[in-house]
Amino acid sequence: MNLVELTETIIKKIVSDPDSVNVKEFESDEENTVQIEVMISSDDLGRVIGKEGHTINAIRTIVQASSYINDNKKVPIKIFRKLKNCQFYETPVSARRHLSKPICRMDL
């Protein structure tokens, strides 16, 4: 199982709307780094982050451990919430500590 499939499987087991989950892999400018971006419904954001970020940190640990075993690459995981009636994803202010920088990204 590759890192995207692993991340997607874990996230889909946690959220209430698995069909809204979208996981993509992007190459990074840094050597030996692959970035994973997860887009989820804003209703599921709390479930994925967990209390004080424990859930998302556990997911990151599992995916990173899998990467060290297979590819030996760093794998930062960024979480974005899907805005209702919009094609953009953004990071909410309350979750910036556990999520990516507050930017909007078009779902390509």
N, C-alpha and C. Protein backbone atom coordinates (compact mmCIF):
# COMPACT_ATOMS: atom_id res chain seq x y z
N MET A 1 0.85 -1.18 0.00
CA MET A 1 0.00 0.00 0.00
C MET A 1 0.90 1.24 0.00
N ASN A 2 0.65 2.16 -0.93
CA ASN A 2 1.47 3.37 -0.96
C ASN A 2 0.98 4.37 0.08
N LEU A 3 1.71 5.46 0.25
CA LEU A 3 1.44 6.41 1.31
C LEU A 3 0.10 7.13 1.15
N VAL A 4 -0.28 7.43 -0.09
CA VAL A 4 -1.55 8.10 -0.34
C VAL A 4 -2.70 7.16 0.03
N GLU A 5 -2.61 5.91 -0.39
CA GLU A 5 -3.66 4.94 -0.06
C GLU A 5 -3.76 4.73 1.45
N LEU A 6 -2.63 4.65 2.12
CA LEU A 6 -2.62 4.47 3.56
C LEU A 6 -3.30 5.66 4.25
N THR A 7 -2.91 6.86 3.86
CA THR A 7 -3.50 8.07 4.45
C THR A 7 -4.99 8.12 4.18
N GLU A 8 -5.38 7.84 2.95
CA GLU A 8 -6.80 7.88 2.58
C GLU A 8 -7.61 6.85 3.35
N THR A 9 -7.08 5.65 3.52
CA THR A 9 -7.77 4.59 4.25
C THR A 9 -8.00 4.99 5.70
N ILE A 10 -6.98 5.53 6.33
CA ILE A 10 -7.10 5.94 7.74
C ILE A 10 -8.12 7.07 7.88
N ILE A 11 -8.00 8.09 7.05
CA ILE A 11 -8.89 9.26 7.14
C ILE A 11 -10.34 8.84 6.89
N LYS A 12 -10.57 8.00 5.88
CA LYS A 12 -11.94 7.59 5.55
C LYS A 12 -12.59 6.79 6.67
N LYS A 13 -11.80 6.08 7.47
CA LYS A 13 -12.35 5.34 8.61
C LYS A 13 -12.77 6.27 9.74
N ILE A 14 -12.22 7.47 9.78
CA ILE A 14 -12.49 8.41 10.87
C ILE A 14 -13.68 9.32 10.57
N VAL A 15 -13.79 9.79 9.33
CA VAL A 15 -14.78 10.82 8.99
C VAL A 15 -16.18 10.24 8.85
N SER A 16 -17.18 11.13 8.94
CA SER A 16 -18.56 10.70 8.78
C SER A 16 -18.99 10.68 7.30
N ASP A 17 -18.25 11.41 6.45
CA ASP A 17 -18.56 11.46 5.02
C ASP A 17 -17.32 11.04 4.23
N PRO A 18 -17.08 9.72 4.09
CA PRO A 18 -15.86 9.26 3.40
C PRO A 18 -15.79 9.68 1.94
N ASP A 19 -16.92 9.93 1.31
CA ASP A 19 -16.92 10.33 -0.10
C ASP A 19 -16.33 11.72 -0.32
N SER A 20 -16.31 12.53 0.73
CA SER A 20 -15.79 13.89 0.59
C SER A 20 -14.27 13.95 0.75
N VAL A 21 -13.64 12.84 1.10
CA VAL A 21 -12.18 12.82 1.32
C VAL A 21 -11.45 12.75 -0.01
N ASN A 22 -10.45 13.60 -0.16
CA ASN A 22 -9.63 13.63 -1.36
C ASN A 22 -8.16 13.75 -0.92
N VAL A 23 -7.35 12.77 -1.28
CA VAL A 23 -5.94 12.76 -0.88
C VAL A 23 -5.07 12.80 -2.12
N LYS A 24 -4.12 13.73 -2.14
CA LYS A 24 -3.21 13.87 -3.28
C LYS A 24 -1.77 13.93 -2.81
N GLU A 25 -0.89 13.47 -3.66
CA GLU A 25 0.55 13.48 -3.38
C GLU A 25 1.23 14.48 -4.29
N PHE A 26 2.14 15.26 -3.72
CA PHE A 26 2.89 16.25 -4.48
C PHE A 26 4.36 16.09 -4.18
N GLU A 27 5.18 16.20 -5.21
CA GLU A 27 6.63 16.20 -5.01
C GLU A 27 7.01 17.53 -4.38
N SER A 28 8.00 17.50 -3.53
CA SER A 28 8.46 18.70 -2.85
C SER A 28 9.78 19.16 -3.44
N ASP A 29 10.09 20.43 -3.21
CA ASP A 29 11.37 20.97 -3.66
C ASP A 29 12.52 20.39 -2.84
N GLU A 30 12.21 19.96 -1.63
CA GLU A 30 13.23 19.39 -0.76
C GLU A 30 13.53 17.95 -1.19
N GLU A 31 14.78 17.58 -1.07
CA GLU A 31 15.18 16.23 -1.44
C GLU A 31 14.60 15.21 -0.47
N ASN A 32 14.18 14.07 -0.98
CA ASN A 32 13.62 12.97 -0.18
C ASN A 32 12.38 13.39 0.61
N THR A 33 11.55 14.23 0.01
CA THR A 33 10.32 14.67 0.66
C THR A 33 9.16 14.56 -0.31
N VAL A 34 8.08 13.98 0.15
CA VAL A 34 6.83 13.90 -0.60
C VAL A 34 5.75 14.50 0.27
N GLN A 35 4.99 15.44 -0.29
CA GLN A 35 3.94 16.10 0.48
C GLN A 35 2.59 15.48 0.16
N ILE A 36 1.80 15.23 1.19
CA ILE A 36 0.44 14.70 1.02
C ILE A 36 -0.54 15.77 1.48
N GLU A 37 -1.52 16.06 0.64
CA GLU A 37 -2.57 17.01 0.99
C GLU A 37 -3.89 16.27 1.08
N VAL A 38 -4.60 16.51 2.17
CA VAL A 38 -5.88 15.86 2.43
C VAL A 38 -6.96 16.93 2.45
N MET A 39 -8.00 16.77 1.62
CA MET A 39 -9.12 17.68 1.60
C MET A 39 -10.32 16.95 2.20
N ILE A 40 -10.93 17.57 3.22
CA ILE A 40 -12.07 16.95 3.89
C ILE A 40 -13.19 17.96 4.07
N SER A 41 -14.35 17.47 4.37
CA SER A 41 -15.50 18.31 4.67
C SER A 41 -15.24 19.06 5.97
N SER A 42 -15.73 20.29 6.05
CA SER A 42 -15.52 21.08 7.27
C SER A 42 -16.21 20.43 8.47
N ASP A 43 -17.24 19.63 8.23
CA ASP A 43 -17.93 18.94 9.32
C ASP A 43 -17.04 17.88 9.97
N ASP A 44 -16.09 17.34 9.23
CA ASP A 44 -15.23 16.27 9.73
C ASP A 44 -13.89 16.77 10.25
N LEU A 45 -13.67 18.04 10.21
CA LEU A 45 -12.37 18.60 10.59
C LEU A 45 -11.98 18.24 12.02
N GLY A 46 -12.92 18.38 12.95
CA GLY A 46 -12.64 18.06 14.34
C GLY A 46 -12.30 16.60 14.57
N ARG A 47 -12.94 15.73 13.83
CA ARG A 47 -12.66 14.29 13.95
C ARG A 47 -11.25 13.96 13.51
N VAL A 48 -10.81 14.58 12.43
CA VAL A 48 -9.49 14.29 11.89
C VAL A 48 -8.39 14.91 12.75
N ILE A 49 -8.60 16.12 13.24
CA ILE A 49 -7.59 16.76 14.08
C ILE A 49 -7.54 16.10 15.45
N GLY A 50 -8.68 15.88 16.06
CA GLY A 50 -8.73 15.29 17.38
C GLY A 50 -8.39 16.30 18.46
N LYS A 51 -8.58 15.89 19.68
CA LYS A 51 -8.34 16.78 20.81
C LYS A 51 -6.85 17.10 20.89
N GLU A 52 -6.55 18.40 20.87
CA GLU A 52 -5.18 18.92 20.91
C GLU A 52 -4.31 18.35 19.80
N GLY A 53 -4.92 17.92 18.69
CA GLY A 53 -4.16 17.44 17.54
C GLY A 53 -3.65 16.02 17.66
N HIS A 54 -4.14 15.28 18.64
CA HIS A 54 -3.63 13.92 18.86
C HIS A 54 -3.92 13.00 17.68
N THR A 55 -5.10 13.10 17.10
CA THR A 55 -5.47 12.19 16.00
C THR A 55 -4.62 12.45 14.77
N ILE A 56 -4.51 13.71 14.34
CA ILE A 56 -3.73 13.99 13.14
C ILE A 56 -2.25 13.70 13.38
N ASN A 57 -1.77 13.92 14.57
CA ASN A 57 -0.37 13.59 14.86
C ASN A 57 -0.14 12.09 14.81
N ALA A 58 -1.11 11.30 15.26
CA ALA A 58 -0.99 9.84 15.18
C ALA A 58 -1.00 9.38 13.72
N ILE A 59 -1.85 9.99 12.91
CA ILE A 59 -1.90 9.66 11.48
C ILE A 59 -0.55 9.98 10.83
N ARG A 60 -0.03 11.15 11.13
CA ARG A 60 1.27 11.54 10.58
C ARG A 60 2.36 10.57 10.99
N THR A 61 2.33 10.11 12.23
CA THR A 61 3.33 9.17 12.72
C THR A 61 3.25 7.84 11.99
N ILE A 62 2.04 7.33 11.79
CA ILE A 62 1.85 6.05 11.09
C ILE A 62 2.35 6.15 9.64
N VAL A 63 1.95 7.22 8.95
CA VAL A 63 2.36 7.38 7.55
C VAL A 63 3.87 7.58 7.45
N GLN A 64 4.44 8.35 8.37
CA GLN A 64 5.88 8.57 8.33
C GLN A 64 6.64 7.27 8.61
N ALA A 65 6.15 6.47 9.54
CA ALA A 65 6.79 5.18 9.84
C ALA A 65 6.75 4.27 8.62
N SER A 66 5.62 4.25 7.92
CA SER A 66 5.52 3.46 6.70
C SER A 66 6.51 3.94 5.65
N SER A 67 6.67 5.25 5.55
CA SER A 67 7.61 5.79 4.58
C SER A 67 9.05 5.41 4.93
N TYR A 68 9.40 5.46 6.19
CA TYR A 68 10.76 5.09 6.59
C TYR A 68 11.05 3.63 6.29
N ILE A 69 10.05 2.78 6.43
CA ILE A 69 10.23 1.35 6.14
C ILE A 69 10.40 1.12 4.64
N ASN A 70 9.60 1.83 3.82
CA ASN A 70 9.58 1.57 2.38
C ASN A 70 10.46 2.50 1.56
N ASP A 71 10.31 3.81 1.72
CA ASP A 71 10.96 4.77 0.83
C ASP A 71 12.02 5.62 1.50
N ASN A 72 11.97 5.72 2.82
CA ASN A 72 12.86 6.57 3.58
C ASN A 72 12.76 8.03 3.14
N LYS A 73 11.51 8.52 3.01
CA LYS A 73 11.27 9.92 2.65
C LYS A 73 10.50 10.60 3.77
N LYS A 74 10.67 11.91 3.87
CA LYS A 74 9.87 12.70 4.79
C LYS A 74 8.51 12.93 4.15
N VAL A 75 7.45 12.85 4.96
CA VAL A 75 6.10 12.98 4.42
C VAL A 75 5.28 13.95 5.26
N PRO A 76 5.37 15.25 4.97
CA PRO A 76 4.46 16.17 5.66
C PRO A 76 3.04 16.00 5.13
N ILE A 77 2.07 16.00 6.03
CA ILE A 77 0.66 15.88 5.65
C ILE A 77 -0.03 17.18 5.99
N LYS A 78 -0.66 17.78 5.00
CA LYS A 78 -1.40 19.03 5.19
C LYS A 78 -2.88 18.74 5.05
N ILE A 79 -3.68 19.34 5.92
CA ILE A 79 -5.12 19.14 5.93
C ILE A 79 -5.80 20.42 5.47
N PHE A 80 -6.75 20.29 4.57
CA PHE A 80 -7.55 21.42 4.10
C PHE A 80 -9.02 21.07 4.26
N ARG A 81 -9.83 22.05 4.58
CA ARG A 81 -11.27 21.80 4.66
C ARG A 81 -11.94 22.35 3.41
N LYS A 82 -12.93 21.63 2.97
CA LYS A 82 -13.66 22.06 1.78
C LYS A 82 -14.70 23.08 2.18
N LEU A 83 -14.63 24.24 1.56
CA LEU A 83 -15.62 25.27 1.80
C LEU A 83 -16.90 24.91 1.08
N LYS A 84 -18.02 25.13 1.72
CA LYS A 84 -19.30 24.79 1.10
C LYS A 84 -19.55 25.68 -0.11
N ASN A 85 -20.07 25.08 -1.18
CA ASN A 85 -20.40 25.79 -2.41
C ASN A 85 -19.21 26.53 -3.01
N CYS A 86 -18.05 25.94 -2.92
CA CYS A 86 -16.84 26.58 -3.42
C CYS A 86 -15.86 25.51 -3.88
N GLN A 87 -14.99 25.87 -4.79
CA GLN A 87 -13.98 24.95 -5.28
C GLN A 87 -12.68 25.08 -4.51
N PHE A 88 -12.62 25.98 -3.54
CA PHE A 88 -11.38 26.24 -2.82
C PHE A 88 -11.37 25.52 -1.48
N TYR A 89 -10.17 25.28 -1.00
CA TYR A 89 -9.96 24.69 0.32
C TYR A 89 -9.13 25.68 1.12
N GLU A 90 -9.40 25.79 2.41
CA GLU A 90 -8.59 26.66 3.24
C GLU A 90 -8.43 26.07 4.62
N THR A 91 -7.46 26.56 5.33
CA THR A 91 -7.20 26.13 6.69
C THR A 91 -7.94 27.05 7.64
N PRO A 92 -8.73 26.52 8.56
CA PRO A 92 -9.44 27.38 9.50
C PRO A 92 -8.49 28.00 10.51
N VAL A 93 -8.85 29.18 11.00
CA VAL A 93 -8.00 29.91 11.93
C VAL A 93 -7.74 29.10 13.20
N SER A 94 -8.76 28.43 13.71
CA SER A 94 -8.64 27.71 14.98
C SER A 94 -7.73 26.49 14.90
N ALA A 95 -7.42 26.02 13.70
CA ALA A 95 -6.64 24.79 13.56
C ALA A 95 -5.27 25.02 12.94
N ARG A 96 -4.84 26.24 12.82
CA ARG A 96 -3.56 26.52 12.16
C ARG A 96 -2.39 25.86 12.84
N ARG A 97 -2.49 25.62 14.12
CA ARG A 97 -1.40 25.00 14.85
C ARG A 97 -1.14 23.58 14.37
N HIS A 98 -2.19 22.88 13.95
CA HIS A 98 -2.06 21.49 13.54
C HIS A 98 -2.14 21.30 12.03
N LEU A 99 -2.50 22.34 11.33
CA LEU A 99 -2.70 22.21 9.89
C LEU A 99 -1.68 23.04 9.14
N SER A 100 -1.85 23.05 7.83
CA SER A 100 -0.94 23.81 6.98
C SER A 100 -1.19 25.31 7.12
N LYS A 101 -0.38 26.09 6.44
CA LYS A 101 -0.52 27.54 6.48
C LYS A 101 -1.89 27.93 5.92
N PRO A 102 -2.43 29.07 6.38
CA PRO A 102 -3.75 29.49 5.94
C PRO A 102 -3.76 29.99 4.51
N ILE A 103 -3.90 29.09 3.57
CA ILE A 103 -3.94 29.46 2.16
C ILE A 103 -5.16 28.81 1.52
N CYS A 104 -5.53 29.29 0.36
CA CYS A 104 -6.59 28.66 -0.42
C CYS A 104 -5.95 27.94 -1.60
N ARG A 105 -6.50 26.83 -1.95
CA ARG A 105 -5.95 26.05 -3.06
C ARG A 105 -7.12 25.54 -3.90
N MET A 106 -7.02 25.69 -5.19
CA MET A 106 -8.07 25.17 -6.05
C MET A 106 -7.95 23.66 -6.13
N ASP A 107 -9.06 23.00 -6.10
CA ASP A 107 -9.08 21.55 -6.25
C ASP A 107 -8.92 21.23 -7.72
N LEU A 108 -7.74 20.81 -8.10
CA LEU A 108 -7.45 20.54 -9.51
C LEU A 108 -7.79 19.13 -9.89
